[in-house]
């Protein structure tokens, strides 16, 4: 049994334009999944449904075999998944250290150092950091959480190629050592090469290409 599952999930804004059409897919612990597809095809919407930020028009999203709406979407977001948002979604009056501490009781500094921030940078207000640095904080926050699923929307989009590969190595460690399920939406073929499974979302359907 997978940890997360689309079960006959469909989503639309207008009934005559189906954005996601009868998705059926199971995501397992200990694996990295990458979802590719053209802009506007519904990749971020699919990630939002998996994370309980929205609900399907038809079908259900399951966590450990149970519809996530049964225990409540807020419970799912708090206890099951960690997000890396494209626009970071950091608490802007806090430091990176304080942002990461929202997801863990452990010392946040080692994780921030792992993603490339110094101890000094980790204790500045996040508004004093560059976009790339804020992206690293968002990634550190997700990696530090004990939740079994990481949902990442373009997590390497503001990072140079070398740093992006370092971040992918951390996602790989999360999958291999901690049995996390990592689901990444990206345009990057280099990121896709690091995945265990690559899916393409096109015309509302998900298709495995590796």
Foldseek 3Di string as FASTA:
>chain_A
DAQKWFAQFWADPDPVATLAGGETDGFHFLFEEEEEEDPPSCPVVVLCCRLLVDHGPDGAMDGPRHGCPVVHSVCSNLAAEAEQDPQLPFPQQAFLQVRLCVQDVDRLQVLLVLLPDHPVNRHDRCVVDDPQSSLSSSLSSRLRHLHQEYEYEASCVPPDPVSVVSSLVSVSCCSNVVRHGYYYYHNDPVSVVSGPWYWYRDSNYIDTPD
